[in-house]
Amino acid sequence: MIRTAFVYVAAAAAEIAGCFGFWAWLRLGRSAWLLPLSMLSLAAFAWLLTLVESNAAGRAYAAYGGVYILSALVWLWRVEGIRPDRWDVLGSTLCLVGAAIILFAPRTAV
């Protein structure tokens, strides 16, 4: 469980950093030199998700979604300087609960 949480947090950081590089280039007018690093970051994100202990890729990706949402709000606050409001926190909490249900629910073998 600790390993899964670490992988999800690392994957979220890699995905957000990679996507933000493209955002910075296209929307903020930053240098195109960000793009190779952004692509490497996105490749690391995809690789990290393969490390999650799950019997189905779709389930691993669905559970990751909740972690991604929380991580995006942390990025919003810490990198962009915009503090999430109570609705952001509530929405993120609901998503994390959903992610935990998806990831840790007892399953019968198929």
C-alpha atoms as a PDB file:
ATOM      1  CA  MET A   1       0.000   0.000   0.000  1.00  0.00           C
ATOM      2  CA  ILE A   2       2.841   2.429   0.848  1.00  0.00           C
ATOM      3  CA  ARG A   3       4.598   1.559  -2.406  1.00  0.00           C
ATOM      4  CA  THR A   4       1.413   2.135  -4.397  1.00  0.00           C
ATOM      5  CA  ALA A   5       0.897   5.525  -2.756  1.00  0.00           C
ATOM      6  CA  PHE A   6       4.506   6.510  -3.487  1.00  0.00           C
ATOM      7  CA  VAL A   7       4.218   5.427  -7.127  1.00  0.00           C
ATOM      8  CA  TYR A   8       0.964   7.348  -7.571  1.00  0.00           C
ATOM      9  CA  VAL A   9       2.422  10.527  -6.042  1.00  0.00           C
ATOM     10  CA  ALA A  10       5.576  10.244  -8.186  1.00  0.00           C
ATOM     11  CA  ALA A  11       3.469   9.588 -11.294  1.00  0.00           C
ATOM     12  CA  ALA A  12       1.292  12.604 -10.556  1.00  0.00           C
ATOM     13  CA  ALA A  13       4.334  14.845 -10.100  1.00  0.00           C
ATOM     14  CA  ALA A  14       5.788  13.604 -13.393  1.00  0.00           C
ATOM     15  CA  GLU A  15       2.514  14.032 -15.278  1.00  0.00           C
ATOM     16  CA  ILE A  16       1.774  17.487 -13.920  1.00  0.00           C
ATOM     17  CA  ALA A  17       5.330  18.707 -14.526  1.00  0.00           C
ATOM     18  CA  GLY A  18       5.270  17.333 -18.072  1.00  0.00           C
ATOM     19  CA  CYS A  19       1.901  18.848 -18.885  1.00  0.00           C
ATOM     20  CA  PHE A  20       2.824  22.152 -17.275  1.00  0.00           C
ATOM     21  CA  GLY A  21       5.889  22.352 -19.529  1.00  0.00           C
ATOM     22  CA  PHE A  22       3.604  22.301 -22.565  1.00  0.00           C
ATOM     23  CA  TRP A  23       1.245  24.786 -20.861  1.00  0.00           C
ATOM     24  CA  ALA A  24       4.159  27.110 -20.122  1.00  0.00           C
ATOM     25  CA  TRP A  25       5.347  26.927 -23.725  1.00  0.00           C
ATOM     26  CA  LEU A  26       1.956  27.414 -25.376  1.00  0.00           C
ATOM     27  CA  ARG A  27       0.125  29.617 -22.880  1.00  0.00           C
ATOM     28  CA  LEU A  28       2.871  31.492 -21.038  1.00  0.00           C
ATOM     29  CA  GLY A  29       5.280  32.022 -23.920  1.00  0.00           C
ATOM     30  CA  ARG A  30       8.160  30.119 -22.346  1.00  0.00           C
ATOM     31  CA  SER A  31      10.977  28.545 -24.361  1.00  0.00           C
ATOM     32  CA  ALA A  32      10.407  25.467 -26.517  1.00  0.00           C
ATOM     33  CA  TRP A  33      13.444  24.011 -24.745  1.00  0.00           C
ATOM     34  CA  LEU A  34      10.988  22.914 -22.056  1.00  0.00           C
ATOM     35  CA  LEU A  35       9.437  20.409 -24.442  1.00  0.00           C
ATOM     36  CA  PRO A  36      12.105  17.668 -24.357  1.00  0.00           C
ATOM     37  CA  LEU A  37      12.059  17.722 -20.554  1.00  0.00           C
ATOM     38  CA  SER A  38       8.271  17.709 -20.609  1.00  0.00           C
ATOM     39  CA  MET A  39       8.228  14.658 -22.863  1.00  0.00           C
ATOM     40  CA  LEU A  40      10.702  12.826 -20.620  1.00  0.00           C
ATOM     41  CA  SER A  41       8.560  13.669 -17.628  1.00  0.00           C
ATOM     42  CA  LEU A  42       5.443  12.313 -19.355  1.00  0.00           C
ATOM     43  CA  ALA A  43       7.309   9.128 -20.309  1.00  0.00           C
ATOM     44  CA  ALA A  44       8.348   8.708 -16.657  1.00  0.00           C
ATOM     45  CA  PHE A  45       4.700   9.154 -15.661  1.00  0.00           C
ATOM     46  CA  ALA A  46       3.602   6.338 -17.979  1.00  0.00           C
ATOM     47  CA  TRP A  47       6.389   4.048 -16.782  1.00  0.00           C
ATOM     48  CA  LEU A  48       5.614   4.729 -13.118  1.00  0.00           C
ATOM     49  CA  LEU A  49       2.002   3.643 -13.553  1.00  0.00           C
ATOM     50  CA  THR A  50       3.208   0.237 -14.742  1.00  0.00           C
ATOM     51  CA  LEU A  51       4.712  -0.290 -11.271  1.00  0.00           C
ATOM     52  CA  VAL A  52       1.344  -0.218  -9.494  1.00  0.00           C
ATOM     53  CA  GLU A  53       0.221  -3.549  -8.089  1.00  0.00           C
ATOM     54  CA  SER A  54      -3.051  -4.134  -9.908  1.00  0.00           C
ATOM     55  CA  ASN A  55      -4.469  -6.953 -11.979  1.00  0.00           C
ATOM     56  CA  ALA A  56      -5.950  -4.505 -14.511  1.00  0.00           C
ATOM     57  CA  ALA A  57      -4.459  -1.387 -16.067  1.00  0.00           C
ATOM     58  CA  GLY A  58      -7.802   0.408 -16.207  1.00  0.00           C
ATOM     59  CA  ARG A  59      -8.348  -0.075 -12.480  1.00  0.00           C
ATOM     60  CA  ALA A  60      -4.865   1.242 -11.705  1.00  0.00           C
ATOM     61  CA  TYR A  61      -5.484   4.280 -13.922  1.00  0.00           C
ATOM     62  CA  ALA A  62      -8.916   4.929 -12.397  1.00  0.00           C
ATOM     63  CA  ALA A  63      -7.551   4.836  -8.860  1.00  0.00           C
ATOM     64  CA  TYR A  64      -4.667   7.089  -9.914  1.00  0.00           C
ATOM     65  CA  GLY A  65      -7.199   9.719 -11.000  1.00  0.00           C
ATOM     66  CA  GLY A  66      -8.003  10.627  -7.400  1.00  0.00           C
ATOM     67  CA  VAL A  67      -4.338  11.070  -6.532  1.00  0.00           C
ATOM     68  CA  TYR A  68      -3.839  13.164  -9.671  1.00  0.00           C
ATOM     69  CA  ILE A  69      -6.664  15.524  -8.704  1.00  0.00           C
ATOM     70  CA  LEU A  70      -5.215  16.110  -5.248  1.00  0.00           C
ATOM     71  CA  SER A  71      -1.735  16.586  -6.720  1.00  0.00           C
ATOM     72  CA  ALA A  72      -3.047  19.092  -9.269  1.00  0.00           C
ATOM     73  CA  LEU A  73      -4.581  21.134  -6.458  1.00  0.00           C
ATOM     74  CA  VAL A  74      -1.293  21.043  -4.533  1.00  0.00           C
ATOM     75  CA  TRP A  75       0.438  22.251  -7.735  1.00  0.00           C
ATOM     76  CA  LEU A  76      -2.179  25.005  -8.082  1.00  0.00           C
ATOM     77  CA  TRP A  77      -1.390  26.176  -4.561  1.00  0.00           C
ATOM     78  CA  ARG A  78       2.389  25.710  -4.358  1.00  0.00           C
ATOM     79  CA  VAL A  79       3.499  26.453  -7.928  1.00  0.00           C
ATOM     80  CA  GLU A  80       0.808  28.781  -9.268  1.00  0.00           C
ATOM     81  CA  GLY A  81       0.150  30.523  -5.959  1.00  0.00           C
ATOM     82  CA  ILE A  82      -3.626  30.026  -5.997  1.00  0.00           C
ATOM     83  CA  ARG A  83      -5.010  28.577  -2.793  1.00  0.00           C
ATOM     84  CA  PRO A  84      -7.639  25.853  -3.344  1.00  0.00           C
ATOM     85  CA  ASP A  85     -11.033  26.726  -1.896  1.00  0.00           C
ATOM     86  CA  ARG A  86     -13.328  24.502   0.158  1.00  0.00           C
ATOM     87  CA  TRP A  87     -14.993  23.138  -2.978  1.00  0.00           C
ATOM     88  CA  ASP A  88     -11.617  22.062  -4.358  1.00  0.00           C
ATOM     89  CA  VAL A  89     -10.856  20.307  -1.076  1.00  0.00           C
ATOM     90  CA  LEU A  90     -14.276  18.644  -0.922  1.00  0.00           C
ATOM     91  CA  GLY A  91     -14.070  17.461  -4.523  1.00  0.00           C
ATOM     92  CA  SER A  92     -10.574  16.127  -4.057  1.00  0.00           C
ATOM     93  CA  THR A  93     -11.599  14.295  -0.878  1.00  0.00           C
ATOM     94  CA  LEU A  94     -14.500  12.629  -2.673  1.00  0.00           C
ATOM     95  CA  CYS A  95     -12.187  11.583  -5.498  1.00  0.00           C
ATOM     96  CA  LEU A  96      -9.643  10.106  -3.070  1.00  0.00           C
ATOM     97  CA  VAL A  97     -12.364   8.121  -1.330  1.00  0.00           C
ATOM     98  CA  GLY A  98     -13.481   6.817  -4.712  1.00  0.00           C
ATOM     99  CA  ALA A  99      -9.904   5.958  -5.664  1.00  0.00           C
ATOM    100  CA  ALA A 100      -9.423   4.035  -2.410  1.00  0.00           C
ATOM    101  CA  ILE A 101     -12.626   2.072  -3.014  1.00  0.00           C
ATOM    102  CA  ILE A 102     -11.509   1.183  -6.539  1.00  0.00           C
ATOM    103  CA  LEU A 103      -8.000   0.195  -5.484  1.00  0.00           C
ATOM    104  CA  PHE A 104      -8.593  -1.601  -2.198  1.00  0.00           C
ATOM    105  CA  ALA A 105     -12.045  -3.180  -2.536  1.00  0.00           C
ATOM    106  CA  PRO A 106     -12.106  -6.942  -2.046  1.00  0.00           C
ATOM    107  CA  ARG A 107     -12.288  -8.670  -5.415  1.00  0.00           C
ATOM    108  CA  THR A 108     -13.180 -12.155  -6.466  1.00  0.00           C
ATOM    109  CA  ALA A 109     -10.838 -13.893  -8.867  1.00  0.00           C
ATOM    110  CA  VAL A 110     -12.014 -13.955 -12.452  1.00  0.00           C
END
